[in-house]
Amino acid sequence: MCLQWDLVCKRAYLKDLTQTILIVGVMFGAMICTTLADKFGRKPIFLFSQWAMIVVGVANAFAPNYYVFAVFRFFTGVFQQVIVACTNSVCIGYVEKQPQLFVSAITLLVHT
């Protein structure tokens, strides 16, 4: 990828920018996840995000240039955060009040 898209020398900063774009996507995912989950329900949003993550992941592998790759990385971050947040909320909903902190910690640990 680095040689294919000429990410060496003067354009080497684009490698690090890709990770930043992913993290910005995670931030946007965190902001929109709660609104969408409250409006449409956690399970439909979770399932949509799972399928969208598959589509975006495959599209990422076949990105023709860096800019398309960066856009797909952004959406990877968005859907990744939605999946983590919805999974955490659904898992907490299945347990009694006392072990919710433990279940939340385990759920988040699995996603890291």
C-alpha atoms as a PDB file:
ATOM      1  CA  MET A   1       0.000   0.000   0.000  1.00  0.00           C
ATOM      2  CA  CYS A   2       2.758   2.457   0.899  1.00  0.00           C
ATOM      3  CA  LEU A   3       4.548   1.991  -2.380  1.00  0.00           C
ATOM      4  CA  GLN A   4       1.403   1.605  -4.445  1.00  0.00           C
ATOM      5  CA  TRP A   5       0.039   4.974  -3.339  1.00  0.00           C
ATOM      6  CA  ASP A   6       3.472   6.602  -2.975  1.00  0.00           C
ATOM      7  CA  LEU A   7       3.247   7.121   0.790  1.00  0.00           C
ATOM      8  CA  VAL A   8       6.975   7.598   1.212  1.00  0.00           C
ATOM      9  CA  CYS A   9       9.152  10.654   1.650  1.00  0.00           C
ATOM     10  CA  LYS A  10       7.030  13.778   1.222  1.00  0.00           C
ATOM     11  CA  ARG A  11       3.723  11.908   1.594  1.00  0.00           C
ATOM     12  CA  ALA A  12       4.750   9.751   4.569  1.00  0.00           C
ATOM     13  CA  TYR A  13       2.512  11.784   6.875  1.00  0.00           C
ATOM     14  CA  LEU A  14      -0.542  10.297   5.153  1.00  0.00           C
ATOM     15  CA  LYS A  15       0.088   6.956   6.889  1.00  0.00           C
ATOM     16  CA  ASP A  16      -0.410   8.584  10.290  1.00  0.00           C
ATOM     17  CA  LEU A  17      -3.304  10.673   8.995  1.00  0.00           C
ATOM     18  CA  THR A  18      -5.195   7.472   8.220  1.00  0.00           C
ATOM     19  CA  GLN A  19      -5.188   6.498  11.904  1.00  0.00           C
ATOM     20  CA  THR A  20      -6.355   9.990  12.850  1.00  0.00           C
ATOM     21  CA  ILE A  21      -9.211   9.727  10.364  1.00  0.00           C
ATOM     22  CA  LEU A  22     -10.228   6.408  11.926  1.00  0.00           C
ATOM     23  CA  ILE A  23     -10.290   7.965  15.411  1.00  0.00           C
ATOM     24  CA  VAL A  24     -12.343  10.927  14.151  1.00  0.00           C
ATOM     25  CA  GLY A  25     -14.796   8.363  12.755  1.00  0.00           C
ATOM     26  CA  VAL A  26     -14.965   6.716  16.178  1.00  0.00           C
ATOM     27  CA  MET A  27     -15.757  10.117  17.680  1.00  0.00           C
ATOM     28  CA  PHE A  28     -18.590  10.726  15.213  1.00  0.00           C
ATOM     29  CA  GLY A  29     -19.857   7.199  15.795  1.00  0.00           C
ATOM     30  CA  ALA A  30     -20.030   7.869  19.521  1.00  0.00           C
ATOM     31  CA  MET A  31     -22.008  11.054  18.915  1.00  0.00           C
ATOM     32  CA  ILE A  32     -24.569   9.566  16.540  1.00  0.00           C
ATOM     33  CA  CYS A  33     -24.910   6.124  18.122  1.00  0.00           C
ATOM     34  CA  THR A  34     -27.026   7.160  21.083  1.00  0.00           C
ATOM     35  CA  THR A  35     -29.434   9.196  18.984  1.00  0.00           C
ATOM     36  CA  LEU A  36     -29.909   6.468  16.394  1.00  0.00           C
ATOM     37  CA  ALA A  37     -30.186   3.716  19.010  1.00  0.00           C
ATOM     38  CA  ASP A  38     -32.831   5.644  20.939  1.00  0.00           C
ATOM     39  CA  LYS A  39     -34.819   6.374  17.793  1.00  0.00           C
ATOM     40  CA  PHE A  40     -34.631   2.988  16.010  1.00  0.00           C
ATOM     41  CA  GLY A  41     -33.594   0.603  18.781  1.00  0.00           C
ATOM     42  CA  ARG A  42     -30.216  -0.871  19.655  1.00  0.00           C
ATOM     43  CA  LYS A  43     -30.632  -4.204  17.926  1.00  0.00           C
ATOM     44  CA  PRO A  44     -31.497  -2.841  14.438  1.00  0.00           C
ATOM     45  CA  ILE A  45     -28.678  -0.289  14.648  1.00  0.00           C
ATOM     46  CA  PHE A  46     -26.282  -2.989  15.841  1.00  0.00           C
ATOM     47  CA  LEU A  47     -27.218  -5.358  13.003  1.00  0.00           C
ATOM     48  CA  PHE A  48     -27.019  -2.593  10.402  1.00  0.00           C
ATOM     49  CA  SER A  49     -23.597  -1.592  11.695  1.00  0.00           C
ATOM     50  CA  GLN A  50     -22.380  -5.198  11.539  1.00  0.00           C
ATOM     51  CA  TRP A  51     -23.386  -5.504   7.881  1.00  0.00           C
ATOM     52  CA  ALA A  52     -22.084  -2.033   7.068  1.00  0.00           C
ATOM     53  CA  MET A  53     -18.762  -2.925   8.685  1.00  0.00           C
ATOM     54  CA  ILE A  54     -18.485  -5.972   6.402  1.00  0.00           C
ATOM     55  CA  VAL A  55     -19.231  -3.879   3.315  1.00  0.00           C
ATOM     56  CA  VAL A  56     -16.867  -1.080   4.318  1.00  0.00           C
ATOM     57  CA  GLY A  57     -14.133  -3.562   5.259  1.00  0.00           C
ATOM     58  CA  VAL A  58     -14.282  -5.292   1.885  1.00  0.00           C
ATOM     59  CA  ALA A  59     -14.453  -1.965   0.069  1.00  0.00           C
ATOM     60  CA  ASN A  60     -11.445  -0.818   2.090  1.00  0.00           C
ATOM     61  CA  ALA A  61      -9.423  -3.736   0.790  1.00  0.00           C
ATOM     62  CA  PHE A  62     -10.134  -2.747  -2.795  1.00  0.00           C
ATOM     63  CA  ALA A  63      -9.802   1.039  -2.483  1.00  0.00           C
ATOM     64  CA  PRO A  64      -8.276   2.353  -5.710  1.00  0.00           C
ATOM     65  CA  ASN A  65      -6.488   5.322  -4.127  1.00  0.00           C
ATOM     66  CA  TYR A  66      -5.591   6.841  -0.795  1.00  0.00           C
ATOM     67  CA  TYR A  67      -8.516   9.250  -0.623  1.00  0.00           C
ATOM     68  CA  VAL A  68     -11.126   6.527  -1.078  1.00  0.00           C
ATOM     69  CA  PHE A  69      -9.244   4.442   1.481  1.00  0.00           C
ATOM     70  CA  ALA A  70      -9.342   7.345   3.961  1.00  0.00           C
ATOM     71  CA  VAL A  71     -13.110   7.781   3.518  1.00  0.00           C
ATOM     72  CA  PHE A  72     -13.649   4.069   4.127  1.00  0.00           C
ATOM     73  CA  ARG A  73     -11.434   4.226   7.233  1.00  0.00           C
ATOM     74  CA  PHE A  74     -13.618   7.038   8.567  1.00  0.00           C
ATOM     75  CA  PHE A  75     -16.740   4.900   8.169  1.00  0.00           C
ATOM     76  CA  THR A  76     -14.907   1.939   9.685  1.00  0.00           C
ATOM     77  CA  GLY A  77     -14.402   4.055  12.799  1.00  0.00           C
ATOM     78  CA  VAL A  78     -18.046   5.168  12.848  1.00  0.00           C
ATOM     79  CA  PHE A  79     -19.436   1.642  12.589  1.00  0.00           C
ATOM     80  CA  GLN A  80     -16.843   0.266  14.999  1.00  0.00           C
ATOM     81  CA  GLN A  81     -17.950   2.665  17.716  1.00  0.00           C
ATOM     82  CA  VAL A  82     -21.638   2.012  17.072  1.00  0.00           C
ATOM     83  CA  ILE A  83     -21.025  -1.735  17.422  1.00  0.00           C
ATOM     84  CA  VAL A  84     -19.101  -1.299  20.675  1.00  0.00           C
ATOM     85  CA  ALA A  85     -21.667   1.051  22.222  1.00  0.00           C
ATOM     86  CA  CYS A  86     -24.688  -1.034  21.224  1.00  0.00           C
ATOM     87  CA  THR A  87     -23.059  -4.276  22.366  1.00  0.00           C
ATOM     88  CA  ASN A  88     -22.258  -2.742  25.727  1.00  0.00           C
ATOM     89  CA  SER A  89     -25.803  -1.424  26.195  1.00  0.00           C
ATOM     90  CA  VAL A  90     -27.455  -4.688  25.182  1.00  0.00           C
ATOM     91  CA  CYS A  91     -25.193  -6.784  27.428  1.00  0.00           C
ATOM     92  CA  ILE A  92     -25.837  -4.538  30.407  1.00  0.00           C
ATOM     93  CA  GLY A  93     -29.567  -4.850  29.801  1.00  0.00           C
ATOM     94  CA  TYR A  94     -29.435  -8.638  30.230  1.00  0.00           C
ATOM     95  CA  VAL A  95     -28.003  -8.651  33.760  1.00  0.00           C
ATOM     96  CA  GLU A  96     -29.164  -7.554  37.198  1.00  0.00           C
ATOM     97  CA  LYS A  97     -28.131  -4.186  38.581  1.00  0.00           C
ATOM     98  CA  GLN A  98     -25.216  -5.326  40.737  1.00  0.00           C
ATOM     99  CA  PRO A  99     -22.943  -7.002  38.114  1.00  0.00           C
ATOM    100  CA  GLN A 100     -23.577  -4.371  35.416  1.00  0.00           C
ATOM    101  CA  LEU A 101     -20.211  -2.700  35.966  1.00  0.00           C
ATOM    102  CA  PHE A 102     -18.420  -6.036  35.656  1.00  0.00           C
ATOM    103  CA  VAL A 103     -20.340  -6.958  32.473  1.00  0.00           C
ATOM    104  CA  SER A 104     -19.637  -3.525  30.999  1.00  0.00           C
ATOM    105  CA  ALA A 105     -15.924  -3.859  31.736  1.00  0.00           C
ATOM    106  CA  ILE A 106     -15.765  -7.345  30.187  1.00  0.00           C
ATOM    107  CA  THR A 107     -17.708  -6.195  27.108  1.00  0.00           C
ATOM    108  CA  LEU A 108     -15.396  -3.240  26.556  1.00  0.00           C
ATOM    109  CA  LEU A 109     -12.333  -5.393  27.210  1.00  0.00           C
ATOM    110  CA  VAL A 110     -13.416  -7.828  24.504  1.00  0.00           C
ATOM    111  CA  HIS A 111     -13.669  -4.975  21.983  1.00  0.00           C
ATOM    112  CA  THR A 112     -10.149  -3.664  22.630  1.00  0.00           C
END
